[in-house]
Amino acid sequence: MPSDQSSAALSRWYAIQCKGGESFRAEENLLNQGFDIFHPTLLCRKKRRGKVEWVSEPLFPYYLFIYLDQLQSNWRPIRSTRGVSRIVTFGDRPAVISHELIALLKAREDQDALPSSFEAGQEVTVENGPFAGHSATFQQQLSRARNGEERAIILLQWLNRTQEVEVPISHLMR
């Protein structure tokens, strides 16, 4: 956001509608053009290629936000940007999004950081794999990665005794 007071008074957030499934493409292309973009996302677990992993999904699947100055910004290239469908309008006026709403969304996004680290002794549930549905105690996260997959050692009650088991972190849930 610009620091100049007079320019900041004319600068506002607006909503952009993206083509289906292309909000990340629109974001990348608008950023490459020098626009200030906010694309709220959330992390969720999805099964891909037989593995459960954390993926970033748009909070609003067909929308992102752009910060523009009413007088200084060049609005023309936005409509022809790949992935962009249109600027959201009410009648013939672009829909203004309040700074407060954007600040709340940004604060919420910071809180939803990837839960990649667990604490030793923390109770976890194994969600996938051969131990799915079992409760366990988190021991440690391994520094080495096998096939690019983060792994952990957990203590699992198995066959009437506590066993140390190595599992992918993506299989664990708090």
Protein backbone atom coordinates (compact mmCIF):
# COMPACT_ATOMS: atom_id res chain seq x y z
CA MET A 1 0.00 0.00 0.00
CA PRO A 2 1.29 3.45 -0.80
CA SER A 3 2.49 5.59 2.07
CA ASP A 4 1.40 8.90 0.50
CA GLN A 5 -1.71 10.13 2.42
CA SER A 6 -3.54 11.69 -0.58
CA SER A 7 -2.90 8.67 -2.77
CA ALA A 8 -3.90 6.30 0.05
CA ALA A 9 -7.23 8.12 0.40
CA LEU A 10 -8.04 7.22 -3.21
CA SER A 11 -6.66 3.68 -2.98
CA ARG A 12 -9.06 0.91 -2.17
CA TRP A 13 -9.44 -2.84 -2.30
CA TYR A 14 -11.63 -4.27 -5.05
CA ALA A 15 -12.82 -7.79 -5.81
CA ILE A 16 -11.87 -9.61 -8.98
CA GLN A 17 -13.83 -12.59 -10.24
CA CYS A 18 -11.61 -15.28 -11.71
CA LYS A 19 -12.34 -17.94 -14.27
CA GLY A 20 -13.14 -21.36 -12.82
CA GLY A 21 -10.14 -22.88 -11.05
CA GLU A 22 -7.80 -20.12 -12.24
CA SER A 23 -7.50 -17.84 -9.21
CA PHE A 24 -3.85 -18.85 -8.66
CA ARG A 25 -3.08 -18.17 -12.33
CA ALA A 26 -4.82 -14.78 -12.12
CA GLU A 27 -2.89 -13.94 -8.95
CA GLU A 28 0.45 -14.82 -10.54
CA ASN A 29 -0.25 -12.84 -13.70
CA LEU A 30 -1.49 -9.78 -11.81
CA LEU A 31 1.54 -9.86 -9.50
CA ASN A 32 3.80 -10.06 -12.58
CA GLN A 33 2.14 -6.86 -13.81
CA GLY A 34 2.97 -5.11 -10.53
CA PHE A 35 -0.48 -5.08 -8.92
CA ASP A 36 -0.94 -5.43 -5.16
CA ILE A 37 -2.99 -8.62 -4.73
CA PHE A 38 -4.48 -10.41 -1.75
CA HIS A 39 -5.60 -13.98 -2.38
CA PRO A 40 -6.80 -15.53 0.89
CA THR A 41 -6.14 -19.25 1.11
CA LEU A 42 -6.62 -22.01 3.62
CA LEU A 43 -4.73 -25.22 4.16
CA CYS A 44 -6.63 -28.46 3.92
CA ARG A 45 -5.75 -32.10 3.63
CA LYS A 46 -6.37 -33.70 0.25
CA LYS A 47 -5.60 -37.09 -1.14
CA ARG A 48 -3.40 -36.77 -4.22
CA ARG A 49 -1.72 -39.60 -6.06
CA GLY A 50 -2.57 -41.94 -3.20
CA LYS A 51 -1.03 -39.71 -0.51
CA VAL A 52 -2.72 -37.34 1.89
CA GLU A 53 -0.99 -33.98 1.87
CA TRP A 54 -1.60 -30.39 2.89
CA VAL A 55 -2.66 -28.19 -0.01
CA SER A 56 -3.42 -24.50 -0.25
CA GLU A 57 -6.95 -23.83 -1.49
CA PRO A 58 -8.57 -20.45 -2.17
CA LEU A 59 -10.84 -19.27 0.65
CA PHE A 60 -13.07 -17.75 -2.04
CA PRO A 61 -12.58 -20.09 -5.04
CA TYR A 62 -13.51 -17.62 -7.78
CA TYR A 63 -12.30 -14.37 -6.21
CA LEU A 64 -9.24 -12.42 -5.17
CA PHE A 65 -8.67 -8.84 -4.07
CA ILE A 66 -6.67 -6.08 -5.74
CA TYR A 67 -5.48 -2.77 -4.26
CA LEU A 68 -5.91 0.06 -6.73
CA ASP A 69 -5.72 3.83 -6.82
CA GLN A 70 -8.82 5.27 -8.49
CA LEU A 71 -6.81 7.84 -10.43
CA GLN A 72 -3.24 6.52 -10.76
CA SER A 73 -3.76 2.81 -11.42
CA ASN A 74 -4.18 1.52 -14.95
CA TRP A 75 -7.29 -0.68 -14.78
CA ARG A 76 -7.28 -1.73 -18.45
CA PRO A 77 -4.84 -4.66 -18.29
CA ILE A 78 -6.78 -6.31 -15.47
CA ARG A 79 -9.67 -7.45 -17.68
CA SER A 80 -7.37 -9.06 -20.24
CA THR A 81 -5.17 -10.83 -17.67
CA ARG A 82 -5.17 -14.62 -17.98
CA GLY A 83 -7.37 -16.16 -15.31
CA VAL A 84 -9.38 -12.97 -14.69
CA SER A 85 -13.04 -12.93 -15.65
CA ARG A 86 -14.00 -9.42 -14.53
CA ILE A 87 -13.85 -6.78 -11.84
CA VAL A 88 -16.85 -7.23 -9.54
CA THR A 89 -19.23 -4.30 -9.91
CA PHE A 90 -22.53 -3.08 -8.54
CA GLY A 91 -24.19 -1.43 -11.51
CA ASP A 92 -21.38 0.40 -13.28
CA ARG A 93 -19.23 0.96 -10.16
CA PRO A 94 -16.49 -1.42 -8.96
CA ALA A 95 -17.35 -3.03 -5.62
CA VAL A 96 -15.16 -1.52 -2.88
CA ILE A 97 -13.96 -3.91 -0.17
CA SER A 98 -13.26 -2.33 3.22
CA HIS A 99 -9.70 -2.17 4.56
CA GLU A 100 -11.03 -3.64 7.82
CA LEU A 101 -12.34 -6.78 6.09
CA ILE A 102 -9.02 -7.31 4.29
CA ALA A 103 -7.15 -6.83 7.59
CA LEU A 104 -9.39 -9.41 9.29
CA LEU A 105 -8.87 -11.91 6.45
CA LYS A 106 -5.09 -11.38 6.57
CA ALA A 107 -5.03 -11.89 10.34
CA ARG A 108 -7.08 -15.08 9.98
CA GLU A 109 -4.77 -16.38 7.26
CA ASP A 110 -1.71 -15.90 9.51
CA GLN A 111 -3.38 -18.02 12.20
CA ASP A 112 -4.02 -20.88 9.77
CA ALA A 113 -0.36 -21.68 9.17
CA LEU A 114 0.52 -25.24 8.28
CA PRO A 115 0.55 -27.40 11.40
CA SER A 116 3.79 -29.12 10.43
CA SER A 117 5.30 -29.37 13.87
CA PHE A 118 4.02 -31.32 16.81
CA GLU A 119 5.41 -31.28 20.32
CA ALA A 120 7.00 -34.31 21.93
CA GLY A 121 4.46 -36.09 24.13
CA GLN A 122 1.49 -34.65 22.27
CA GLU A 123 -1.41 -37.03 21.61
CA VAL A 124 -2.08 -37.50 17.89
CA THR A 125 -4.36 -39.64 15.76
CA VAL A 126 -3.11 -41.56 12.76
CA GLU A 127 -5.53 -40.77 9.93
CA ASN A 128 -4.09 -42.81 7.05
CA GLY A 129 -1.97 -45.82 6.35
CA PRO A 130 -1.87 -49.17 8.13
CA PHE A 131 -2.36 -47.57 11.58
CA ALA A 132 -5.33 -45.39 10.59
CA GLY A 133 -7.70 -44.74 13.48
CA HIS A 134 -5.16 -45.43 16.23
CA SER A 135 -4.15 -42.89 18.85
CA ALA A 136 -0.45 -42.38 19.43
CA THR A 137 2.05 -40.15 21.20
CA PHE A 138 4.24 -37.91 19.05
CA GLN A 139 7.96 -38.47 19.75
CA GLN A 140 9.95 -36.46 17.21
CA GLN A 141 9.99 -35.06 13.72
CA LEU A 142 12.72 -36.54 11.56
CA SER A 143 15.15 -34.15 9.92
CA ARG A 144 15.74 -36.43 6.97
CA ALA A 145 13.03 -36.70 4.37
CA ARG A 146 12.34 -39.84 2.41
CA ASN A 147 11.03 -39.12 -1.11
CA GLY A 148 10.45 -35.47 -0.12
CA GLU A 149 7.95 -36.55 2.54
CA GLU A 150 8.25 -35.23 6.10
CA ARG A 151 8.21 -38.07 8.60
CA ALA A 152 7.88 -38.51 12.35
CA ILE A 153 8.36 -41.11 15.04
CA ILE A 154 5.31 -41.89 17.15
CA LEU A 155 4.69 -44.25 20.05
CA LEU A 156 1.83 -46.57 19.26
CA GLN A 157 0.19 -49.23 21.41
CA TRP A 158 0.41 -52.30 19.16
CA LEU A 159 0.36 -56.00 20.03
CA ASN A 160 0.10 -55.28 23.77
CA ARG A 161 3.19 -53.12 23.92
CA THR A 162 4.38 -49.66 22.98
CA GLN A 163 6.05 -49.59 19.58
CA GLU A 164 8.12 -46.84 17.97
CA VAL A 165 6.74 -46.32 14.47
CA GLU A 166 7.91 -44.03 11.68
CA VAL A 167 5.06 -42.46 9.69
CA PRO A 168 4.57 -39.54 7.30
CA ILE A 169 3.63 -36.37 9.20
CA SER A 170 0.77 -35.87 6.74
CA HIS A 171 -0.87 -38.99 8.24
CA LEU A 172 -1.10 -37.38 11.70
CA MET A 173 -3.80 -35.15 13.11
CA ARG A 174 -3.92 -33.34 16.46
